[in-house]
Amino acid sequence: MLVRAGARRLGPGEAGVHGRRSDMLSTWPAHSRREAVAAIRKGADVLFVSPVFPTRSHPGARTLGRVRLGLMIRGLGVPVIALGGMDARRAEGLRALGIYGWAGIDAWT
C-alpha cells in the first residue's frame, strides 16, 4: 500500500495521504494521546504512533514504551501502526495492546 506524505500525487497505486484529510485513506502521526484524539477528529483512518522504543533515527527521543503506548491507544477506535525501534518480536509483544501492525527501518537491514 502506498501512502504519500507530500502534495504531489504518486500515481495510480496511491492508496492515501499522510497528515491531511482526504477522500482516500488518511493516516496521521501521533506521539501522545492528545495528538491521537486530534488526528481522529481531523479524519484519521489510521494512526502511526511513535516512538514506541528507542531508535537510531531519533536518538535520545523520549519513548512511549509498552505501558504508555497501551494507555495512549486504548479505545481510540482506529487502527494503530507502531513505529520506533520495532521488529517482529517487539510487535508480537504489543499485539495484546491492540496494535494493528508495525513498521520499521532497522528491522529490515
N, C-alpha and C. Protein backbone atom coordinates (compact mmCIF):
# COMPACT_ATOMS: atom_id res chain seq x y z
N MET A 1 0.85 -1.17 0.00
CA MET A 1 0.00 0.00 0.00
C MET A 1 0.90 1.23 0.00
N LEU A 2 0.59 2.18 -0.84
CA LEU A 2 1.38 3.40 -0.97
C LEU A 2 0.59 4.59 -0.44
N VAL A 3 1.15 5.27 0.56
CA VAL A 3 0.54 6.45 1.16
C VAL A 3 1.52 7.60 1.01
N ARG A 4 1.09 8.70 0.47
CA ARG A 4 2.01 9.83 0.24
C ARG A 4 1.94 10.84 1.37
N ALA A 5 3.09 11.45 1.64
CA ALA A 5 3.16 12.50 2.66
C ALA A 5 3.19 13.88 2.04
N GLY A 6 3.61 14.00 0.81
CA GLY A 6 3.73 15.30 0.16
C GLY A 6 2.50 15.67 -0.64
N ALA A 7 2.59 16.81 -1.31
CA ALA A 7 1.46 17.32 -2.09
C ALA A 7 1.36 16.67 -3.47
N ARG A 8 2.49 16.22 -4.01
CA ARG A 8 2.50 15.67 -5.36
C ARG A 8 1.97 14.24 -5.40
N ARG A 9 1.01 14.00 -6.28
CA ARG A 9 0.44 12.66 -6.43
C ARG A 9 1.49 11.68 -6.89
N LEU A 10 1.38 10.44 -6.43
CA LEU A 10 2.37 9.41 -6.74
C LEU A 10 1.94 8.49 -7.86
N GLY A 11 0.72 8.60 -8.31
CA GLY A 11 0.26 7.77 -9.41
C GLY A 11 -0.91 6.89 -9.04
N PRO A 12 -1.27 5.99 -9.95
CA PRO A 12 -2.47 5.18 -9.76
C PRO A 12 -2.41 4.21 -8.59
N GLY A 13 -1.23 3.89 -8.09
CA GLY A 13 -1.12 2.96 -6.97
C GLY A 13 -1.30 3.61 -5.62
N GLU A 14 -1.47 4.91 -5.61
CA GLU A 14 -1.60 5.64 -4.35
C GLU A 14 -2.90 5.28 -3.64
N ALA A 15 -2.77 4.91 -2.35
CA ALA A 15 -3.95 4.49 -1.58
C ALA A 15 -4.43 5.57 -0.62
N GLY A 16 -3.58 6.56 -0.32
CA GLY A 16 -3.99 7.57 0.64
C GLY A 16 -2.93 8.62 0.86
N VAL A 17 -3.19 9.45 1.86
CA VAL A 17 -2.28 10.55 2.19
C VAL A 17 -1.99 10.53 3.69
N HIS A 18 -0.86 11.14 4.05
CA HIS A 18 -0.43 11.17 5.44
C HIS A 18 -0.48 12.60 5.96
N GLY A 19 -1.16 12.78 7.08
CA GLY A 19 -1.17 14.08 7.75
C GLY A 19 -2.14 15.10 7.21
N ARG A 20 -3.13 14.66 6.47
CA ARG A 20 -4.16 15.58 5.98
C ARG A 20 -5.43 14.83 5.63
N ARG A 21 -6.51 15.57 5.57
CA ARG A 21 -7.79 14.97 5.19
C ARG A 21 -7.76 14.57 3.72
N SER A 22 -8.53 13.55 3.42
CA SER A 22 -8.56 13.07 2.05
C SER A 22 -9.82 12.25 1.83
N ASP A 23 -10.20 12.11 0.55
CA ASP A 23 -11.29 11.21 0.22
C ASP A 23 -10.77 9.78 0.10
N MET A 24 -9.44 9.62 0.18
CA MET A 24 -8.81 8.30 0.21
C MET A 24 -8.46 7.99 1.67
N LEU A 25 -7.67 6.96 1.89
CA LEU A 25 -7.18 6.64 3.22
C LEU A 25 -6.38 7.82 3.76
N SER A 26 -6.61 8.14 5.02
CA SER A 26 -5.91 9.26 5.66
C SER A 26 -5.19 8.75 6.90
N THR A 27 -3.85 8.80 6.85
CA THR A 27 -3.06 8.39 8.01
C THR A 27 -2.51 9.64 8.69
N TRP A 28 -2.30 9.55 10.00
CA TRP A 28 -1.79 10.69 10.76
C TRP A 28 -0.76 10.22 11.77
N PRO A 29 0.23 11.06 12.08
CA PRO A 29 1.18 10.73 13.13
C PRO A 29 0.61 11.08 14.49
N ALA A 30 1.05 10.36 15.51
CA ALA A 30 0.64 10.67 16.89
C ALA A 30 1.77 10.27 17.84
N HIS A 31 2.10 11.19 18.72
CA HIS A 31 3.15 10.95 19.70
C HIS A 31 2.60 11.03 21.13
N SER A 32 1.30 11.33 21.25
CA SER A 32 0.64 11.44 22.55
C SER A 32 -0.84 11.17 22.37
N ARG A 33 -1.53 10.94 23.47
CA ARG A 33 -2.98 10.72 23.42
C ARG A 33 -3.67 11.96 22.84
N ARG A 34 -3.22 13.14 23.23
CA ARG A 34 -3.81 14.38 22.73
C ARG A 34 -3.69 14.48 21.21
N GLU A 35 -2.50 14.17 20.67
CA GLU A 35 -2.32 14.20 19.22
C GLU A 35 -3.18 13.14 18.54
N ALA A 36 -3.30 11.98 19.16
CA ALA A 36 -4.11 10.90 18.57
C ALA A 36 -5.57 11.32 18.46
N VAL A 37 -6.12 11.87 19.53
CA VAL A 37 -7.53 12.30 19.53
C VAL A 37 -7.73 13.42 18.51
N ALA A 38 -6.79 14.37 18.46
CA ALA A 38 -6.89 15.47 17.48
C ALA A 38 -6.85 14.93 16.06
N ALA A 39 -6.00 13.96 15.79
CA ALA A 39 -5.91 13.37 14.45
C ALA A 39 -7.21 12.68 14.06
N ILE A 40 -7.81 11.97 15.00
CA ILE A 40 -9.08 11.29 14.72
C ILE A 40 -10.16 12.32 14.42
N ARG A 41 -10.19 13.40 15.16
CA ARG A 41 -11.16 14.46 14.90
C ARG A 41 -10.97 15.10 13.53
N LYS A 42 -9.73 15.08 13.03
CA LYS A 42 -9.42 15.63 11.71
C LYS A 42 -9.71 14.64 10.59
N GLY A 43 -10.06 13.42 10.95
CA GLY A 43 -10.42 12.43 9.94
C GLY A 43 -9.45 11.28 9.75
N ALA A 44 -8.55 11.04 10.69
CA ALA A 44 -7.60 9.94 10.56
C ALA A 44 -8.31 8.59 10.47
N ASP A 45 -7.92 7.80 9.49
CA ASP A 45 -8.39 6.43 9.37
C ASP A 45 -7.43 5.46 10.05
N VAL A 46 -6.15 5.85 10.11
CA VAL A 46 -5.08 5.04 10.69
C VAL A 46 -4.11 5.99 11.39
N LEU A 47 -3.57 5.57 12.54
CA LEU A 47 -2.57 6.35 13.25
C LEU A 47 -1.22 5.65 13.22
N PHE A 48 -0.16 6.42 12.95
CA PHE A 48 1.21 5.96 13.10
C PHE A 48 1.71 6.51 14.42
N VAL A 49 1.88 5.65 15.42
CA VAL A 49 2.24 6.07 16.78
C VAL A 49 3.73 5.81 17.02
N SER A 50 4.41 6.85 17.50
CA SER A 50 5.85 6.72 17.73
C SER A 50 6.35 7.75 18.73
N PRO A 51 7.58 7.56 19.20
CA PRO A 51 8.39 6.34 19.12
C PRO A 51 8.04 5.40 20.28
N VAL A 52 7.82 4.16 19.95
CA VAL A 52 7.47 3.18 20.97
C VAL A 52 8.71 2.77 21.76
N PHE A 53 9.81 2.50 21.06
CA PHE A 53 11.06 2.09 21.68
C PHE A 53 12.18 2.98 21.14
N PRO A 54 13.36 2.96 21.78
CA PRO A 54 14.48 3.74 21.26
C PRO A 54 14.80 3.35 19.82
N THR A 55 15.22 4.34 19.05
CA THR A 55 15.51 4.11 17.64
C THR A 55 16.73 4.92 17.22
N ARG A 56 17.50 4.38 16.29
CA ARG A 56 18.68 5.10 15.80
C ARG A 56 18.29 6.35 15.02
N SER A 57 17.12 6.36 14.41
CA SER A 57 16.74 7.52 13.59
C SER A 57 16.34 8.74 14.44
N HIS A 58 16.04 8.53 15.72
CA HIS A 58 15.69 9.63 16.63
C HIS A 58 16.40 9.42 17.97
N PRO A 59 17.74 9.52 17.96
CA PRO A 59 18.48 9.24 19.20
C PRO A 59 18.10 10.21 20.32
N GLY A 60 17.90 9.66 21.49
CA GLY A 60 17.58 10.48 22.66
C GLY A 60 16.12 10.89 22.78
N ALA A 61 15.29 10.54 21.81
CA ALA A 61 13.87 10.90 21.88
C ALA A 61 13.20 10.14 23.02
N ARG A 62 12.29 10.78 23.70
CA ARG A 62 11.53 10.11 24.76
C ARG A 62 10.62 9.07 24.13
N THR A 63 10.68 7.86 24.62
CA THR A 63 9.87 6.78 24.06
C THR A 63 8.63 6.53 24.89
N LEU A 64 7.64 5.92 24.24
CA LEU A 64 6.39 5.60 24.93
C LEU A 64 6.54 4.36 25.80
N GLY A 65 7.19 3.34 25.28
CA GLY A 65 7.24 2.07 25.99
C GLY A 65 5.89 1.38 25.95
N ARG A 66 5.86 0.17 26.44
CA ARG A 66 4.65 -0.65 26.38
C ARG A 66 3.48 -0.07 27.16
N VAL A 67 3.71 0.34 28.39
CA VAL A 67 2.61 0.81 29.24
C VAL A 67 2.00 2.11 28.70
N ARG A 68 2.85 3.10 28.41
CA ARG A 68 2.33 4.37 27.90
C ARG A 68 1.66 4.20 26.55
N LEU A 69 2.20 3.32 25.69
CA LEU A 69 1.55 3.04 24.41
C LEU A 69 0.16 2.49 24.65
N GLY A 70 0.03 1.51 25.54
CA GLY A 70 -1.27 0.91 25.83
C GLY A 70 -2.27 1.93 26.33
N LEU A 71 -1.85 2.79 27.23
CA LEU A 71 -2.75 3.83 27.74
C LEU A 71 -3.13 4.82 26.64
N MET A 72 -2.17 5.13 25.80
CA MET A 72 -2.40 6.10 24.73
C MET A 72 -3.43 5.63 23.71
N ILE A 73 -3.36 4.37 23.33
CA ILE A 73 -4.20 3.89 22.22
C ILE A 73 -5.51 3.24 22.66
N ARG A 74 -5.67 3.02 23.96
CA ARG A 74 -6.87 2.33 24.45
C ARG A 74 -8.14 3.05 24.01
N GLY A 75 -9.02 2.30 23.34
CA GLY A 75 -10.34 2.81 22.97
C GLY A 75 -10.37 3.85 21.87
N LEU A 76 -9.29 4.03 21.10
CA LEU A 76 -9.29 5.06 20.06
C LEU A 76 -10.23 4.74 18.90
N GLY A 77 -10.38 3.47 18.58
CA GLY A 77 -11.32 3.10 17.53
C GLY A 77 -10.79 3.18 16.11
N VAL A 78 -9.49 3.41 15.94
CA VAL A 78 -8.87 3.37 14.61
C VAL A 78 -7.64 2.46 14.70
N PRO A 79 -7.24 1.85 13.58
CA PRO A 79 -6.05 1.02 13.60
C PRO A 79 -4.81 1.84 13.96
N VAL A 80 -3.91 1.22 14.72
CA VAL A 80 -2.66 1.86 15.14
C VAL A 80 -1.49 1.06 14.60
N ILE A 81 -0.57 1.77 13.95
CA ILE A 81 0.68 1.18 13.48
C ILE A 81 1.78 1.69 14.41
N ALA A 82 2.52 0.78 15.02
CA ALA A 82 3.59 1.14 15.96
C ALA A 82 4.89 1.39 15.21
N LEU A 83 5.56 2.47 15.56
CA LEU A 83 6.85 2.85 14.96
C LEU A 83 7.86 3.13 16.07
N GLY A 84 9.12 3.01 15.72
CA GLY A 84 10.17 3.37 16.65
C GLY A 84 10.77 2.17 17.33
N GLY A 85 11.92 1.71 16.82
CA GLY A 85 12.61 0.58 17.43
C GLY A 85 11.88 -0.74 17.28
N MET A 86 11.01 -0.83 16.31
CA MET A 86 10.17 -2.02 16.16
C MET A 86 10.87 -3.12 15.38
N ASP A 87 10.53 -4.34 15.75
CA ASP A 87 10.88 -5.53 14.99
C ASP A 87 9.76 -6.55 15.24
N ALA A 88 9.84 -7.69 14.60
CA ALA A 88 8.75 -8.68 14.70
C ALA A 88 8.52 -9.14 16.14
N ARG A 89 9.59 -9.36 16.89
CA ARG A 89 9.47 -9.82 18.27
C ARG A 89 8.75 -8.78 19.13
N ARG A 90 9.16 -7.53 19.02
CA ARG A 90 8.51 -6.47 19.80
C ARG A 90 7.06 -6.29 19.39
N ALA A 91 6.80 -6.36 18.09
CA ALA A 91 5.42 -6.21 17.62
C ALA A 91 4.53 -7.30 18.20
N GLU A 92 5.02 -8.51 18.23
CA GLU A 92 4.23 -9.61 18.79
C GLU A 92 3.91 -9.34 20.26
N GLY A 93 4.84 -8.75 20.98
CA GLY A 93 4.61 -8.41 22.37
C GLY A 93 3.61 -7.28 22.59
N LEU A 94 3.32 -6.54 21.54
CA LEU A 94 2.37 -5.42 21.64
C LEU A 94 0.98 -5.77 21.10
N ARG A 95 0.83 -6.94 20.51
CA ARG A 95 -0.48 -7.34 19.92
C ARG A 95 -1.60 -7.28 20.95
N ALA A 96 -1.32 -7.68 22.17
CA ALA A 96 -2.36 -7.69 23.22
C ALA A 96 -2.86 -6.28 23.53
N LEU A 97 -2.07 -5.27 23.21
CA LEU A 97 -2.48 -3.89 23.44
C LEU A 97 -3.43 -3.40 22.35
N GLY A 98 -3.47 -4.14 21.24
CA GLY A 98 -4.39 -3.77 20.17
C GLY A 98 -3.76 -3.09 18.98
N ILE A 99 -2.42 -3.18 18.84
CA ILE A 99 -1.83 -2.58 17.64
C ILE A 99 -2.28 -3.37 16.42
N TYR A 100 -2.46 -2.67 15.32
CA TYR A 100 -2.88 -3.30 14.07
C TYR A 100 -1.67 -3.84 13.32
N GLY A 101 -0.55 -3.11 13.43
CA GLY A 101 0.65 -3.51 12.72
C GLY A 101 1.83 -2.69 13.18
N TRP A 102 2.93 -2.83 12.48
CA TRP A 102 4.15 -2.12 12.84
C TRP A 102 4.95 -1.82 11.59
N ALA A 103 5.87 -0.87 11.72
CA ALA A 103 6.77 -0.51 10.63
C ALA A 103 8.12 -0.21 11.23
N GLY A 104 9.14 -0.32 10.42
CA GLY A 104 10.47 -0.06 10.90
C GLY A 104 11.46 0.15 9.79
N ILE A 105 12.64 0.55 10.16
CA ILE A 105 13.74 0.71 9.20
C ILE A 105 14.81 -0.32 9.52
N ASP A 106 15.38 -0.25 10.72
CA ASP A 106 16.46 -1.16 11.08
C ASP A 106 16.02 -2.62 11.12
N ALA A 107 14.76 -2.88 11.33
CA ALA A 107 14.27 -4.26 11.38
C ALA A 107 14.49 -4.99 10.05
N TRP A 108 14.62 -4.26 8.97
CA TRP A 108 14.74 -4.86 7.64
C TRP A 108 16.18 -4.93 7.17
N THR A 109 17.11 -4.36 7.94
CA THR A 109 18.52 -4.38 7.49
C THR A 109 19.35 -5.34 8.29
